[in-house]
Protein backbone atom coordinates (compact mmCIF):
# COMPACT_ATOMS: atom_id res chain seq x y z
CA MET A 1 -111.81 -37.32 100.20
CA THR A 2 -111.73 -38.07 103.88
CA TYR A 3 -109.15 -40.77 104.48
CA SER A 4 -108.50 -40.24 108.16
CA ASN A 5 -110.87 -40.63 111.09
CA GLU A 6 -110.15 -37.00 111.95
CA ALA A 7 -111.28 -35.88 108.48
CA LYS A 8 -114.40 -38.05 108.64
CA HIS A 9 -115.28 -36.39 111.93
CA ALA A 10 -114.34 -32.82 110.96
CA GLN A 11 -115.76 -32.77 107.43
CA LEU A 12 -118.66 -35.23 107.62
CA LYS A 13 -119.50 -35.05 111.33
CA VAL A 14 -119.07 -38.80 111.84
CA PRO A 15 -119.09 -39.15 115.63
CA LYS A 16 -115.71 -40.02 117.13
CA ARG A 17 -117.35 -42.61 119.39
CA LEU A 18 -118.83 -44.36 116.33
CA LEU A 19 -115.41 -44.52 114.65
CA ALA A 20 -113.83 -45.78 117.88
CA LYS A 21 -116.48 -48.48 118.36
CA PHE A 22 -116.94 -49.73 114.78
CA GLY A 23 -113.93 -48.40 112.87
CA ALA A 24 -113.77 -46.38 109.69
CA VAL A 25 -114.28 -49.47 107.52
CA SER A 26 -117.77 -50.36 108.70
CA ARG A 27 -121.43 -50.16 107.79
CA GLU A 28 -121.95 -47.66 110.58
CA ALA A 29 -119.21 -45.33 109.32
CA VAL A 30 -120.37 -45.18 105.68
CA GLU A 31 -124.00 -44.78 106.74
CA ALA A 32 -123.04 -41.80 108.91
CA MET A 33 -120.99 -40.39 106.05
CA VAL A 34 -123.89 -40.43 103.56
CA LYS A 35 -126.41 -39.28 106.15
CA ASN A 36 -124.30 -36.22 106.90
CA GLY A 37 -123.32 -35.65 103.27
CA SER A 38 -126.81 -35.65 101.76
CA ASP A 39 -129.91 -33.50 102.07
CA ASN A 40 -133.38 -33.22 100.55
CA THR A 41 -132.02 -32.33 97.10
CA HIS A 42 -128.66 -34.10 96.82
CA ALA A 43 -127.72 -37.75 96.54
CA CYS A 44 -124.57 -38.99 98.23
CA ILE A 45 -122.25 -41.98 98.07
CA ALA A 46 -119.60 -42.96 100.60
CA VAL A 47 -116.81 -45.49 100.31
CA SER A 48 -114.49 -46.67 103.05
CA GLY A 49 -112.14 -49.56 102.69
CA ILE A 50 -108.70 -51.07 102.80
CA ALA A 51 -107.15 -50.96 99.35
CA GLY A 52 -103.78 -52.31 100.49
CA PRO A 53 -101.19 -53.41 100.09
CA ALA A 54 -101.11 -53.33 103.91
CA GLY A 55 -103.51 -52.35 106.64
CA GLY A 56 -105.88 -55.28 106.68
CA SER A 57 -106.98 -57.33 109.68
CA GLU A 58 -108.76 -60.63 110.25
CA ASP A 59 -112.15 -58.87 110.32
CA ASN A 60 -111.32 -56.45 107.50
CA PRO A 61 -108.70 -57.95 105.19
CA VAL A 62 -107.16 -55.98 102.34
CA GLY A 63 -109.82 -55.52 99.70
CA THR A 64 -112.68 -54.99 102.17
CA VAL A 65 -114.82 -52.05 101.10
CA TRP A 66 -118.06 -50.70 102.54
CA ILE A 67 -120.22 -48.56 100.24
CA ALA A 68 -123.31 -46.56 101.15
CA ALA A 69 -125.61 -44.54 98.91
CA VAL A 70 -128.69 -42.44 99.43
CA ILE A 71 -130.89 -40.36 97.16
CA PRO A 72 -133.18 -37.54 98.27
CA ASP A 73 -136.14 -38.86 100.27
CA GLY A 74 -134.68 -42.36 100.09
CA ASP A 75 -133.35 -44.97 102.46
CA ILE A 76 -129.63 -45.51 102.95
CA HIS A 77 -128.39 -48.58 101.10
CA THR A 78 -125.14 -50.30 102.07
CA GLN A 79 -122.99 -53.04 100.60
CA ARG A 80 -119.85 -54.82 101.78
CA HIS A 81 -117.38 -56.12 99.23
CA ARG A 82 -114.07 -57.93 99.21
CA PHE A 83 -112.29 -56.97 96.03
CA ALA A 84 -109.19 -58.78 94.83
CA GLY A 85 -106.26 -57.16 93.09
CA SER A 86 -103.72 -54.40 93.51
CA ARG A 87 -104.40 -51.20 95.41
CA SER A 88 -105.34 -49.50 92.16
CA GLU A 89 -107.64 -52.34 91.12
CA VAL A 90 -109.42 -52.40 94.49
CA ARG A 91 -109.97 -48.65 94.31
CA GLN A 92 -111.25 -48.81 90.72
CA ARG A 93 -113.62 -51.67 91.54
CA ALA A 94 -114.94 -49.76 94.56
CA VAL A 95 -115.58 -46.62 92.48
CA ASN A 96 -117.34 -48.63 89.76
CA GLN A 97 -119.51 -50.41 92.33
CA ALA A 98 -120.37 -47.17 94.15
CA PHE A 99 -121.47 -45.37 90.99
CA GLY A 100 -123.35 -48.46 89.82
CA MET A 101 -125.17 -48.55 93.13
CA LEU A 102 -126.11 -44.87 92.90
CA ILE A 103 -127.27 -45.21 89.28
CA GLY A 104 -129.42 -48.19 90.28
CA LEU A 105 -131.08 -46.16 93.03
CA LEU A 106 -131.72 -43.27 90.68
CA GLU A 107 -133.19 -45.55 88.01
CA HIS A 108 -135.61 -47.09 90.48
CA GLN A 109 -136.77 -43.98 92.32
CA ASP A 110 -140.47 -43.14 92.14
CA GLY A 111 -141.27 -40.88 89.23
CA GLY A 112 -137.90 -41.37 87.52
CA TRP A 113 -136.01 -38.33 86.28
């Protein structure tokens, strides 16, 4: 897991200027995360959000979650969600949505499994 901007940069090579401009909870951040975490043989999912109970803003209130997924030789797909509930519930909903998104991409890829 890469919670901090420093970890996103160090481990996933998300450019510092991208994080400074758009923030960690953004389409741009999760797209960079999956782009740098995938290759020609591995799928990747990335989740970045604000699970709470604090930390939200007007643009990104608590419960805001960006998810990106990519499969080999595929386009990056992103979704933005606003999940309600406790910190634990927001995190669980984000995980469920991320894996559902990845499964959907795998089910619809050319040639199947």
